[in-house]
């Protein structure tokens, strides 16, 4: 049983590093560098990077979801009817809300916003959509950091 828990934690951590680490890399390295070197053409580079990063993020989301369910089920912290009286479960519920918010933003950007950018013909509208997309990545960055904070809180409430 301990081996399963260790494997699930490892998968959960690797998926977290890939997704949130990728967001950090894009915000703090790729976007500023592409703007500096390519200027107005940086959107093309961002499109190519997005094509490569999106599948990795999608797999990370799936792994986070599955490993999270397994870990929550194996934890034995659920207290039945009084589930909302526990700091552990309250932190877990908030973590899940933030995770699903991040997931919704991620899929909105990929399935709705990106195709809309491709169909857009005016540069003004395309620029506005690109700005919205970047802002949503920044929102996911903030949500991701909040999820990490809640993960630490959950560990403390659980007693390591």
N, C-alpha and C. Protein backbone atom coordinates (compact mmCIF):
# COMPACT_ATOMS: atom_id res chain seq x y z
N UNK A 1 0.82 -1.20 0.00
CA UNK A 1 0.00 0.00 0.00
C UNK A 1 0.86 1.26 0.00
N UNK A 2 1.94 1.26 0.78
CA UNK A 2 2.80 2.44 0.83
C UNK A 2 3.43 2.71 -0.53
N UNK A 3 3.74 1.65 -1.27
CA UNK A 3 4.33 1.82 -2.60
C UNK A 3 3.36 2.53 -3.54
N UNK A 4 2.07 2.20 -3.43
CA UNK A 4 1.05 2.86 -4.26
C UNK A 4 0.95 4.34 -3.90
N UNK A 5 0.96 4.64 -2.62
CA UNK A 5 0.88 6.03 -2.17
C UNK A 5 2.11 6.81 -2.66
N UNK A 6 3.28 6.21 -2.52
CA UNK A 6 4.51 6.87 -2.98
C UNK A 6 4.46 7.11 -4.49
N UNK A 7 4.03 6.12 -5.25
CA UNK A 7 3.94 6.26 -6.71
C UNK A 7 2.95 7.35 -7.09
N UNK A 8 1.82 7.39 -6.40
CA UNK A 8 0.81 8.42 -6.71
C UNK A 8 1.31 9.81 -6.36
N UNK A 9 1.98 9.95 -5.21
CA UNK A 9 2.55 11.25 -4.87
C UNK A 9 3.58 11.67 -5.91
N UNK A 10 4.41 10.75 -6.34
CA UNK A 10 5.43 11.07 -7.33
C UNK A 10 4.78 11.52 -8.64
N UNK A 11 3.79 10.78 -9.11
CA UNK A 11 3.08 11.15 -10.33
C UNK A 11 2.42 12.52 -10.16
N UNK A 12 1.80 12.75 -9.01
CA UNK A 12 1.13 14.01 -8.73
C UNK A 12 2.13 15.17 -8.76
N UNK A 13 3.29 14.96 -8.15
CA UNK A 13 4.31 16.01 -8.11
C UNK A 13 4.91 16.28 -9.49
N UNK A 14 5.19 15.23 -10.25
CA UNK A 14 5.75 15.40 -11.59
C UNK A 14 4.76 16.15 -12.49
N UNK A 15 3.50 15.77 -12.42
CA UNK A 15 2.48 16.45 -13.24
C UNK A 15 2.36 17.92 -12.84
N UNK A 16 2.45 18.20 -11.54
CA UNK A 16 2.39 19.58 -11.06
C UNK A 16 3.57 20.39 -11.57
N UNK A 17 4.76 19.80 -11.48
CA UNK A 17 5.97 20.49 -11.95
C UNK A 17 5.87 20.78 -13.44
N UNK A 18 5.40 19.82 -14.21
CA UNK A 18 5.29 20.01 -15.66
C UNK A 18 4.31 21.13 -16.01
N UNK A 19 3.14 21.11 -15.39
CA UNK A 19 2.12 22.10 -15.74
C UNK A 19 2.47 23.48 -15.21
N UNK A 20 2.68 23.61 -13.91
CA UNK A 20 2.95 24.92 -13.34
C UNK A 20 4.34 25.41 -13.75
N UNK A 21 5.30 24.51 -13.82
CA UNK A 21 6.63 24.90 -14.30
C UNK A 21 6.59 25.40 -15.73
N UNK A 22 5.77 24.76 -16.56
CA UNK A 22 5.62 25.21 -17.94
C UNK A 22 5.00 26.60 -18.01
N UNK A 23 4.01 26.84 -17.16
CA UNK A 23 3.38 28.16 -17.12
C UNK A 23 4.41 29.22 -16.70
N UNK A 24 5.19 28.90 -15.68
CA UNK A 24 6.22 29.84 -15.21
C UNK A 24 7.23 30.12 -16.31
N UNK A 25 7.67 29.07 -17.01
CA UNK A 25 8.64 29.23 -18.09
C UNK A 25 8.07 30.12 -19.20
N UNK A 26 6.83 29.91 -19.54
CA UNK A 26 6.21 30.72 -20.60
C UNK A 26 6.10 32.18 -20.19
N UNK A 27 5.60 32.43 -18.97
CA UNK A 27 5.38 33.81 -18.53
C UNK A 27 6.68 34.58 -18.36
N UNK A 28 7.66 33.96 -17.71
CA UNK A 28 8.86 34.71 -17.32
C UNK A 28 10.03 34.58 -18.29
N UNK A 29 10.01 33.59 -19.18
CA UNK A 29 11.13 33.40 -20.11
C UNK A 29 10.69 33.60 -21.57
N UNK A 30 9.72 32.82 -22.00
CA UNK A 30 9.35 32.79 -23.42
C UNK A 30 8.71 34.10 -23.87
N UNK A 31 7.69 34.57 -23.16
CA UNK A 31 6.98 35.78 -23.61
C UNK A 31 7.91 36.99 -23.67
N UNK A 32 8.65 37.30 -22.59
CA UNK A 32 9.54 38.47 -22.69
C UNK A 32 10.63 38.31 -23.76
N UNK A 33 11.19 37.12 -23.88
CA UNK A 33 12.25 36.90 -24.87
C UNK A 33 11.72 37.01 -26.29
N UNK A 34 10.55 36.42 -26.53
CA UNK A 34 10.01 36.47 -27.89
C UNK A 34 9.63 37.90 -28.27
N UNK A 35 9.10 38.65 -27.31
CA UNK A 35 8.77 40.06 -27.61
C UNK A 35 10.02 40.87 -27.90
N UNK A 36 11.07 40.61 -27.15
CA UNK A 36 12.31 41.37 -27.33
C UNK A 36 12.96 41.06 -28.68
N UNK A 37 12.97 39.79 -29.05
CA UNK A 37 13.66 39.39 -30.28
C UNK A 37 12.77 39.55 -31.51
N UNK A 38 11.50 39.17 -31.39
CA UNK A 38 10.63 39.12 -32.57
C UNK A 38 9.65 40.28 -32.67
N UNK A 39 9.45 41.01 -31.59
CA UNK A 39 8.51 42.13 -31.62
C UNK A 39 7.11 41.69 -31.94
N UNK A 40 6.53 42.28 -32.97
CA UNK A 40 5.14 42.00 -33.35
C UNK A 40 4.94 40.57 -33.84
N UNK A 41 6.00 39.91 -34.25
CA UNK A 41 5.91 38.54 -34.74
C UNK A 41 5.96 37.50 -33.62
N UNK A 42 6.03 37.93 -32.39
CA UNK A 42 6.16 36.99 -31.27
C UNK A 42 4.92 36.11 -31.14
N UNK A 43 3.77 36.57 -31.61
CA UNK A 43 2.55 35.77 -31.55
C UNK A 43 2.67 34.45 -32.29
N UNK A 44 3.41 34.46 -33.41
CA UNK A 44 3.61 33.22 -34.18
C UNK A 44 4.41 32.20 -33.36
N UNK A 45 5.46 32.68 -32.70
CA UNK A 45 6.26 31.79 -31.86
C UNK A 45 5.42 31.25 -30.71
N UNK A 46 4.61 32.11 -30.11
CA UNK A 46 3.76 31.68 -28.99
C UNK A 46 2.77 30.61 -29.46
N UNK A 47 2.28 30.74 -30.68
CA UNK A 47 1.37 29.73 -31.22
C UNK A 47 2.05 28.38 -31.35
N UNK A 48 3.29 28.39 -31.82
CA UNK A 48 4.04 27.13 -31.96
C UNK A 48 4.37 26.52 -30.60
N UNK A 49 4.75 27.35 -29.66
CA UNK A 49 5.04 26.86 -28.31
C UNK A 49 3.78 26.28 -27.69
N UNK A 50 2.68 26.94 -27.89
CA UNK A 50 1.40 26.46 -27.35
C UNK A 50 1.04 25.09 -27.93
N UNK A 51 1.30 24.88 -29.22
CA UNK A 51 1.02 23.58 -29.84
C UNK A 51 1.82 22.47 -29.18
N UNK A 52 3.04 22.78 -28.74
CA UNK A 52 3.89 21.77 -28.11
C UNK A 52 3.58 21.60 -26.62
N UNK A 53 3.25 22.71 -25.96
CA UNK A 53 3.02 22.65 -24.51
C UNK A 53 1.63 22.12 -24.15
N UNK A 54 0.63 22.40 -24.97
CA UNK A 54 -0.74 22.02 -24.65
C UNK A 54 -0.91 20.52 -24.41
N UNK A 55 -0.38 19.64 -25.26
CA UNK A 55 -0.53 18.20 -24.95
C UNK A 55 0.13 17.82 -23.63
N UNK A 56 1.28 18.40 -23.34
CA UNK A 56 1.96 18.12 -22.07
C UNK A 56 1.09 18.58 -20.89
N UNK A 57 0.50 19.75 -21.01
CA UNK A 57 -0.40 20.25 -19.97
C UNK A 57 -1.63 19.36 -19.86
N UNK A 58 -2.18 18.91 -20.99
CA UNK A 58 -3.36 18.03 -20.96
C UNK A 58 -3.06 16.73 -20.23
N UNK A 59 -1.92 16.11 -20.53
CA UNK A 59 -1.54 14.87 -19.84
C UNK A 59 -1.32 15.14 -18.35
N UNK A 60 -0.74 16.28 -18.03
CA UNK A 60 -0.52 16.63 -16.63
C UNK A 60 -1.85 16.76 -15.89
N UNK A 61 -2.83 17.38 -16.52
CA UNK A 61 -4.15 17.54 -15.92
C UNK A 61 -4.78 16.18 -15.64
N UNK A 62 -4.69 15.29 -16.60
CA UNK A 62 -5.24 13.94 -16.43
C UNK A 62 -4.54 13.23 -15.27
N UNK A 63 -3.21 13.29 -15.26
CA UNK A 63 -2.45 12.64 -14.18
C UNK A 63 -2.76 13.25 -12.83
N UNK A 64 -2.90 14.57 -12.76
CA UNK A 64 -3.24 15.23 -11.50
C UNK A 64 -4.61 14.78 -11.01
N UNK A 65 -5.55 14.71 -11.91
CA UNK A 65 -6.91 14.32 -11.55
C UNK A 65 -6.94 12.88 -11.01
N UNK A 66 -6.35 11.97 -11.76
CA UNK A 66 -6.38 10.55 -11.37
C UNK A 66 -5.59 10.31 -10.09
N UNK A 67 -4.36 10.83 -10.03
CA UNK A 67 -3.54 10.60 -8.84
C UNK A 67 -4.15 11.32 -7.63
N UNK A 68 -4.77 12.46 -7.84
CA UNK A 68 -5.43 13.17 -6.74
C UNK A 68 -6.58 12.38 -6.16
N UNK A 69 -7.37 11.76 -7.02
CA UNK A 69 -8.48 10.92 -6.54
C UNK A 69 -7.94 9.75 -5.72
N UNK A 70 -6.91 9.11 -6.23
CA UNK A 70 -6.33 7.97 -5.52
C UNK A 70 -5.77 8.42 -4.17
N UNK A 71 -5.03 9.51 -4.16
CA UNK A 71 -4.45 10.00 -2.91
C UNK A 71 -5.51 10.40 -1.90
N UNK A 72 -6.55 11.07 -2.34
CA UNK A 72 -7.62 11.47 -1.42
C UNK A 72 -8.32 10.23 -0.86
N UNK A 73 -8.51 9.23 -1.69
CA UNK A 73 -9.17 8.00 -1.24
C UNK A 73 -8.33 7.21 -0.26
N UNK A 74 -7.01 7.27 -0.41
CA UNK A 74 -6.12 6.51 0.47
C UNK A 74 -5.77 7.24 1.76
N UNK A 75 -6.19 8.49 1.88
CA UNK A 75 -5.73 9.31 2.99
C UNK A 75 -6.42 9.07 4.32
N UNK A 76 -7.63 8.58 4.32
CA UNK A 76 -8.39 8.32 5.55
C UNK A 76 -8.64 9.57 6.39
N UNK A 77 -8.78 10.73 5.77
CA UNK A 77 -9.05 11.96 6.51
C UNK A 77 -10.51 12.37 6.44
N UNK A 78 -11.31 11.68 5.65
CA UNK A 78 -12.71 12.06 5.52
C UNK A 78 -13.46 11.68 6.79
N UNK A 79 -14.31 12.59 7.24
CA UNK A 79 -15.00 12.39 8.52
C UNK A 79 -16.51 12.24 8.35
N UNK A 80 -16.96 11.69 7.27
CA UNK A 80 -18.37 11.41 7.08
C UNK A 80 -19.22 12.67 6.95
N UNK A 81 -20.28 12.74 7.73
CA UNK A 81 -21.25 13.84 7.65
C UNK A 81 -20.60 15.17 8.01
N UNK A 82 -19.65 15.16 8.88
CA UNK A 82 -19.00 16.40 9.35
C UNK A 82 -17.78 16.76 8.50
N UNK A 83 -17.89 16.50 7.23
CA UNK A 83 -16.76 16.71 6.32
C UNK A 83 -16.28 18.16 6.29
N UNK A 84 -17.18 19.12 6.45
CA UNK A 84 -16.79 20.53 6.37
C UNK A 84 -16.23 21.08 7.68
N UNK A 85 -16.17 20.26 8.72
CA UNK A 85 -15.61 20.71 9.99
C UNK A 85 -14.10 20.49 10.07
N UNK A 86 -13.53 19.85 9.11
CA UNK A 86 -12.10 19.54 9.12
C UNK A 86 -11.33 20.57 8.27
N UNK A 87 -10.24 21.08 8.82
CA UNK A 87 -9.38 21.99 8.04
C UNK A 87 -8.82 21.29 6.81
N UNK A 88 -8.52 20.01 6.95
CA UNK A 88 -7.97 19.24 5.85
C UNK A 88 -8.95 19.19 4.69
N UNK A 89 -10.21 18.86 4.97
CA UNK A 89 -11.18 18.76 3.88
C UNK A 89 -11.54 20.12 3.31
N UNK A 90 -11.58 21.14 4.14
CA UNK A 90 -11.86 22.49 3.63
C UNK A 90 -10.75 22.92 2.67
N UNK A 91 -9.49 22.68 3.05
CA UNK A 91 -8.36 23.04 2.18
C UNK A 91 -8.40 22.21 0.90
N UNK A 92 -8.76 20.94 1.01
CA UNK A 92 -8.85 20.08 -0.17
C UNK A 92 -9.95 20.56 -1.11
N UNK A 93 -11.10 20.93 -0.56
CA UNK A 93 -12.20 21.42 -1.40
C UNK A 93 -11.79 22.70 -2.13
N UNK A 94 -11.14 23.62 -1.42
CA UNK A 94 -10.68 24.85 -2.07
C UNK A 94 -9.64 24.54 -3.13
N UNK A 95 -8.75 23.61 -2.83
CA UNK A 95 -7.73 23.20 -3.82
C UNK A 95 -8.40 22.64 -5.07
N UNK A 96 -9.44 21.84 -4.90
CA UNK A 96 -10.15 21.28 -6.05
C UNK A 96 -10.85 22.36 -6.86
N UNK A 97 -11.46 23.33 -6.18
CA UNK A 97 -12.11 24.43 -6.89
C UNK A 97 -11.09 25.18 -7.74
N UNK A 98 -9.92 25.46 -7.17
CA UNK A 98 -8.88 26.17 -7.93
C UNK A 98 -8.34 25.32 -9.07
N UNK A 99 -8.14 24.02 -8.82
CA UNK A 99 -7.67 23.11 -9.87
C UNK A 99 -8.65 23.08 -11.04
N UNK A 100 -9.94 22.94 -10.74
CA UNK A 100 -10.94 22.89 -11.82
C UNK A 100 -11.06 24.24 -12.53
N UNK A 101 -10.82 25.33 -11.81
CA UNK A 101 -10.79 26.66 -12.45
C UNK A 101 -9.62 26.75 -13.42
N UNK A 102 -8.45 26.27 -12.98
CA UNK A 102 -7.28 26.25 -13.86
C UNK A 102 -7.55 25.41 -15.11
N UNK A 103 -8.15 24.26 -14.88
CA UNK A 103 -8.45 23.35 -15.99
C UNK A 103 -9.41 24.00 -16.98
N UNK A 104 -10.44 24.67 -16.47
CA UNK A 104 -11.41 25.34 -17.34
C UNK A 104 -10.73 26.44 -18.16
N UNK A 105 -9.87 27.21 -17.52
CA UNK A 105 -9.14 28.27 -18.23
C UNK A 105 -8.24 27.66 -19.30
N UNK A 106 -7.54 26.61 -18.94
CA UNK A 106 -6.64 25.94 -19.90
C UNK A 106 -7.40 25.48 -21.14
N UNK A 107 -8.51 24.79 -20.93
CA UNK A 107 -9.27 24.27 -22.07
C UNK A 107 -10.01 25.38 -22.82
N UNK A 108 -10.43 26.42 -22.14
CA UNK A 108 -11.03 27.57 -22.83
C UNK A 108 -10.00 28.19 -23.78
N UNK A 109 -8.78 28.38 -23.29
CA UNK A 109 -7.74 28.97 -24.15
C UNK A 109 -7.47 28.10 -25.37
N UNK A 110 -7.40 26.79 -25.16
CA UNK A 110 -7.05 25.89 -26.25
C UNK A 110 -8.18 25.58 -27.21
N UNK A 111 -9.38 25.43 -26.69
CA UNK A 111 -10.50 24.99 -27.52
C UNK A 111 -11.36 26.12 -28.05
N UNK A 112 -11.36 27.27 -27.39
CA UNK A 112 -12.21 28.38 -27.81
C UNK A 112 -11.37 29.56 -28.30
N UNK A 113 -10.46 30.02 -27.46
CA UNK A 113 -9.71 31.23 -27.76
C UNK A 113 -8.71 31.05 -28.91
N UNK A 114 -7.95 29.96 -28.89
CA UNK A 114 -6.96 29.74 -29.95
C UNK A 114 -7.60 29.64 -31.34
N UNK A 115 -8.67 28.85 -31.51
CA UNK A 115 -9.31 28.83 -32.83
C UNK A 115 -9.88 30.19 -33.24
N UNK A 116 -10.39 30.93 -32.25
CA UNK A 116 -10.93 32.26 -32.56
C UNK A 116 -9.81 33.17 -33.04
N UNK A 117 -8.62 33.06 -32.45
CA UNK A 117 -7.47 33.87 -32.89
C UNK A 117 -7.08 33.51 -34.32
N UNK A 118 -7.15 32.22 -34.63
CA UNK A 118 -6.78 31.77 -35.98
C UNK A 118 -7.77 32.29 -37.04
N UNK A 119 -9.04 32.41 -36.68
CA UNK A 119 -10.07 32.88 -37.62
C UNK A 119 -10.11 34.39 -37.76
N UNK A 120 -9.57 35.08 -36.78
CA UNK A 120 -9.65 36.54 -36.76
C UNK A 120 -8.81 37.13 -37.88
N UNK A 121 -9.40 38.09 -38.58
CA UNK A 121 -8.70 38.69 -39.70
C UNK A 121 -8.10 40.05 -39.37
N UNK A 122 -8.68 40.78 -38.45
CA UNK A 122 -8.15 42.11 -38.14
C UNK A 122 -7.05 42.00 -37.09
N UNK A 123 -6.02 42.77 -37.28
CA UNK A 123 -4.89 42.75 -36.36
C UNK A 123 -5.28 43.27 -34.98
N UNK A 124 -6.18 44.24 -34.93
CA UNK A 124 -6.61 44.80 -33.65
C UNK A 124 -7.30 43.74 -32.80
N UNK A 125 -8.21 42.98 -33.42
CA UNK A 125 -8.91 41.94 -32.68
C UNK A 125 -7.95 40.81 -32.29
N UNK A 126 -7.04 40.47 -33.19
CA UNK A 126 -6.08 39.41 -32.90
C UNK A 126 -5.19 39.80 -31.71
N UNK A 127 -4.76 41.05 -31.68
CA UNK A 127 -3.93 41.55 -30.57
C UNK A 127 -4.71 41.50 -29.26
N UNK A 128 -5.98 41.88 -29.30
CA UNK A 128 -6.81 41.85 -28.09
C UNK A 128 -6.99 40.41 -27.59
N UNK A 129 -7.19 39.47 -28.50
CA UNK A 129 -7.35 38.07 -28.11
C UNK A 129 -6.05 37.50 -27.56
N UNK A 130 -4.91 37.89 -28.16
CA UNK A 130 -3.62 37.43 -27.65
C UNK A 130 -3.38 37.96 -26.24
N UNK A 131 -3.74 39.21 -26.03
CA UNK A 131 -3.58 39.80 -24.69
C UNK A 131 -4.46 39.07 -23.68
N UNK A 132 -5.71 38.77 -24.06
CA UNK A 132 -6.60 38.01 -23.18
C UNK A 132 -5.99 36.64 -22.87
N UNK A 133 -5.45 35.99 -23.88
CA UNK A 133 -4.85 34.67 -23.68
C UNK A 133 -3.68 34.73 -22.70
N UNK A 134 -2.82 35.72 -22.86
CA UNK A 134 -1.68 35.88 -21.95
C UNK A 134 -2.16 36.19 -20.53
N UNK A 135 -3.18 37.02 -20.42
CA UNK A 135 -3.73 37.33 -19.10
C UNK A 135 -4.32 36.08 -18.44
N UNK A 136 -4.94 35.22 -19.21
CA UNK A 136 -5.47 33.97 -18.65
C UNK A 136 -4.35 33.05 -18.20
N UNK A 137 -3.23 33.05 -18.91
CA UNK A 137 -2.07 32.28 -18.45
C UNK A 137 -1.59 32.83 -17.12
N UNK A 138 -1.59 34.14 -16.97
CA UNK A 138 -1.18 34.76 -15.71
C UNK A 138 -2.15 34.41 -14.58
N UNK A 139 -3.43 34.35 -14.89
CA UNK A 139 -4.41 33.93 -13.89
C UNK A 139 -4.12 32.49 -13.46
N UNK A 140 -3.84 31.62 -14.44
CA UNK A 140 -3.51 30.23 -14.10
C UNK A 140 -2.24 30.14 -13.27
N UNK A 141 -1.29 31.00 -13.53
CA UNK A 141 -0.07 31.04 -12.71
C UNK A 141 -0.43 31.35 -11.26
N UNK A 142 -1.26 32.35 -11.05
CA UNK A 142 -1.67 32.74 -9.69
C UNK A 142 -2.47 31.61 -9.04
N UNK A 143 -3.38 31.03 -9.77
CA UNK A 143 -4.16 29.91 -9.23
C UNK A 143 -3.25 28.72 -8.90
N UNK A 144 -2.27 28.47 -9.77
CA UNK A 144 -1.33 27.37 -9.54
C UNK A 144 -0.53 27.56 -8.26
N UNK A 145 -0.06 28.80 -8.04
CA UNK A 145 0.66 29.07 -6.80
C UNK A 145 -0.25 28.90 -5.59
N UNK A 146 -1.51 29.27 -5.73
CA UNK A 146 -2.47 29.09 -4.64
C UNK A 146 -2.71 27.61 -4.36
N UNK A 147 -2.78 26.81 -5.41
CA UNK A 147 -2.94 25.36 -5.24
C UNK A 147 -1.73 24.79 -4.49
N UNK A 148 -0.55 25.26 -4.84
CA UNK A 148 0.65 24.78 -4.14
C UNK A 148 0.63 25.17 -2.66
N UNK A 149 0.18 26.39 -2.37
CA UNK A 149 0.05 26.82 -0.98
C UNK A 149 -0.94 25.92 -0.23
N UNK A 150 -2.07 25.63 -0.86
CA UNK A 150 -3.05 24.75 -0.22
C UNK A 150 -2.51 23.33 -0.05
N UNK A 151 -1.67 22.89 -0.97
CA UNK A 151 -1.05 21.57 -0.83
C UNK A 151 -0.18 21.53 0.43
N UNK A 152 0.55 22.60 0.67
CA UNK A 152 1.34 22.69 1.88
C UNK A 152 0.46 22.70 3.12
N UNK A 153 -0.63 23.44 3.07
CA UNK A 153 -1.56 23.49 4.20
C UNK A 153 -2.17 22.12 4.46
N UNK A 154 -2.52 21.42 3.40
CA UNK A 154 -3.08 20.07 3.55
C UNK A 154 -2.08 19.14 4.22
N UNK A 155 -0.82 19.25 3.85
CA UNK A 155 0.22 18.42 4.48
C UNK A 155 0.33 18.73 5.97
N UNK A 156 0.27 20.00 6.33
CA UNK A 156 0.35 20.38 7.74
C UNK A 156 -0.88 19.90 8.50
N UNK A 157 -2.08 20.08 7.92
CA UNK A 157 -3.30 19.64 8.58
C UNK A 157 -3.32 18.12 8.75
N UNK A 158 -2.73 17.42 7.81
CA UNK A 158 -2.68 15.96 7.85
C UNK A 158 -1.66 15.50 8.87
N UNK A 159 -0.68 16.34 9.17
CA UNK A 159 0.37 15.97 10.11
C UNK A 159 1.52 15.25 9.42
N UNK A 160 1.77 15.65 8.17
CA UNK A 160 2.80 15.05 7.32
C UNK A 160 2.52 13.61 7.23
